N, C-alpha and C. Protein backbone atom coordinates (compact mmCIF):
# COMPACT_ATOMS: atom_id res chain seq x y z
N LEU A 1 14.92 1.30 -15.52
CA LEU A 1 14.59 2.72 -15.44
C LEU A 1 14.01 3.00 -14.06
N THR A 2 14.71 3.77 -13.28
CA THR A 2 14.25 4.03 -11.92
C THR A 2 13.33 5.23 -11.81
N GLU A 3 13.50 6.22 -12.69
CA GLU A 3 12.65 7.40 -12.63
C GLU A 3 12.47 7.96 -14.03
N TYR A 4 11.25 8.39 -14.33
CA TYR A 4 10.95 8.95 -15.65
C TYR A 4 10.35 10.32 -15.47
N SER A 5 10.88 11.28 -16.19
CA SER A 5 10.33 12.64 -16.17
C SER A 5 10.17 13.08 -17.61
N GLY A 6 8.94 13.31 -18.04
CA GLY A 6 8.70 13.72 -19.41
C GLY A 6 7.28 13.41 -19.82
N ALA A 7 7.07 13.33 -21.12
CA ALA A 7 5.72 13.09 -21.65
C ALA A 7 5.60 11.67 -22.16
N TYR A 8 4.42 11.13 -22.00
CA TYR A 8 4.10 9.81 -22.52
C TYR A 8 2.78 9.93 -23.25
N THR A 9 2.71 9.43 -24.46
CA THR A 9 1.50 9.52 -25.27
C THR A 9 1.06 8.14 -25.69
N ASN A 10 -0.23 7.88 -25.56
CA ASN A 10 -0.81 6.61 -25.97
C ASN A 10 -2.21 6.89 -26.50
N LYS A 11 -2.53 6.37 -27.67
CA LYS A 11 -3.86 6.55 -28.24
C LYS A 11 -4.72 5.34 -27.91
N ILE A 12 -5.98 5.61 -27.60
CA ILE A 12 -6.94 4.56 -27.27
C ILE A 12 -8.05 4.62 -28.30
N ASN A 13 -8.31 3.51 -28.98
CA ASN A 13 -9.37 3.44 -29.98
C ASN A 13 -10.69 3.14 -29.27
N LEU A 14 -11.60 4.11 -29.29
CA LEU A 14 -12.89 3.95 -28.63
C LEU A 14 -14.02 3.76 -29.63
N SER A 15 -13.71 3.51 -30.88
CA SER A 15 -14.74 3.43 -31.92
C SER A 15 -15.67 2.22 -31.74
N ASP A 16 -15.23 1.19 -31.05
CA ASP A 16 -16.07 0.01 -30.84
C ASP A 16 -16.93 0.11 -29.58
N TYR A 17 -16.77 1.18 -28.81
CA TYR A 17 -17.54 1.37 -27.59
C TYR A 17 -18.85 2.08 -27.89
N PRO A 18 -19.92 1.73 -27.19
CA PRO A 18 -21.20 2.42 -27.41
C PRO A 18 -21.16 3.85 -26.86
N LYS A 19 -22.09 4.68 -27.32
CA LYS A 19 -22.21 6.04 -26.83
C LYS A 19 -22.44 6.02 -25.33
N GLY A 20 -21.87 7.00 -24.65
CA GLY A 20 -22.05 7.06 -23.20
C GLY A 20 -20.95 7.85 -22.54
N VAL A 21 -20.93 7.79 -21.23
CA VAL A 21 -19.93 8.49 -20.43
C VAL A 21 -18.97 7.46 -19.85
N TYR A 22 -17.68 7.72 -20.02
CA TYR A 22 -16.63 6.84 -19.52
C TYR A 22 -15.66 7.65 -18.68
N PHE A 23 -14.96 6.99 -17.80
CA PHE A 23 -13.97 7.64 -16.96
C PHE A 23 -12.62 6.98 -17.18
N LEU A 24 -11.63 7.81 -17.51
CA LEU A 24 -10.26 7.34 -17.72
C LEU A 24 -9.47 7.63 -16.46
N ARG A 25 -8.76 6.62 -15.98
CA ARG A 25 -7.93 6.78 -14.78
C ARG A 25 -6.53 6.28 -15.09
N VAL A 26 -5.55 7.15 -14.91
CA VAL A 26 -4.15 6.82 -15.15
C VAL A 26 -3.40 6.99 -13.83
N LEU A 27 -2.71 5.94 -13.42
CA LEU A 27 -1.98 5.97 -12.15
C LEU A 27 -0.49 5.80 -12.39
N SER A 28 0.29 6.50 -11.58
CA SER A 28 1.74 6.27 -11.55
C SER A 28 2.14 6.21 -10.08
N ASP A 29 3.40 6.02 -9.84
CA ASP A 29 3.87 5.96 -8.45
C ASP A 29 3.65 7.27 -7.71
N LYS A 30 3.69 8.39 -8.45
CA LYS A 30 3.65 9.70 -7.80
C LYS A 30 2.39 10.51 -8.07
N SER A 31 1.55 10.08 -8.99
CA SER A 31 0.39 10.89 -9.32
C SER A 31 -0.77 10.05 -9.84
N GLU A 32 -1.91 10.71 -9.94
CA GLU A 32 -3.12 10.08 -10.46
C GLU A 32 -3.83 11.11 -11.34
N PHE A 33 -4.34 10.66 -12.49
CA PHE A 33 -5.04 11.53 -13.43
C PHE A 33 -6.39 10.90 -13.75
N ASN A 34 -7.45 11.68 -13.62
CA ASN A 34 -8.80 11.22 -13.93
C ASN A 34 -9.42 12.16 -14.96
N GLU A 35 -10.10 11.59 -15.93
CA GLU A 35 -10.73 12.40 -16.98
C GLU A 35 -12.04 11.75 -17.40
N LYS A 36 -13.08 12.57 -17.55
CA LYS A 36 -14.37 12.08 -18.04
C LYS A 36 -14.38 12.19 -19.55
N ILE A 37 -14.81 11.12 -20.22
CA ILE A 37 -14.88 11.07 -21.68
C ILE A 37 -16.33 10.82 -22.06
N ILE A 38 -16.87 11.66 -22.94
CA ILE A 38 -18.24 11.51 -23.41
C ILE A 38 -18.21 11.13 -24.88
N LEU A 39 -18.74 9.95 -25.20
CA LEU A 39 -18.83 9.50 -26.59
C LEU A 39 -20.23 9.80 -27.10
N LYS A 40 -20.31 10.57 -28.18
CA LYS A 40 -21.61 10.94 -28.75
C LYS A 40 -21.87 10.19 -30.02
């Protein structure tokens, strides 16, 4: 597969992580996505 255009979905189970602030970083060849996640 040389190029992909569309949606990709993946679930991450965070139930074993302690409460706090986490940062999710997703990288591809053409873009970067950063998101702050707060577990209460």
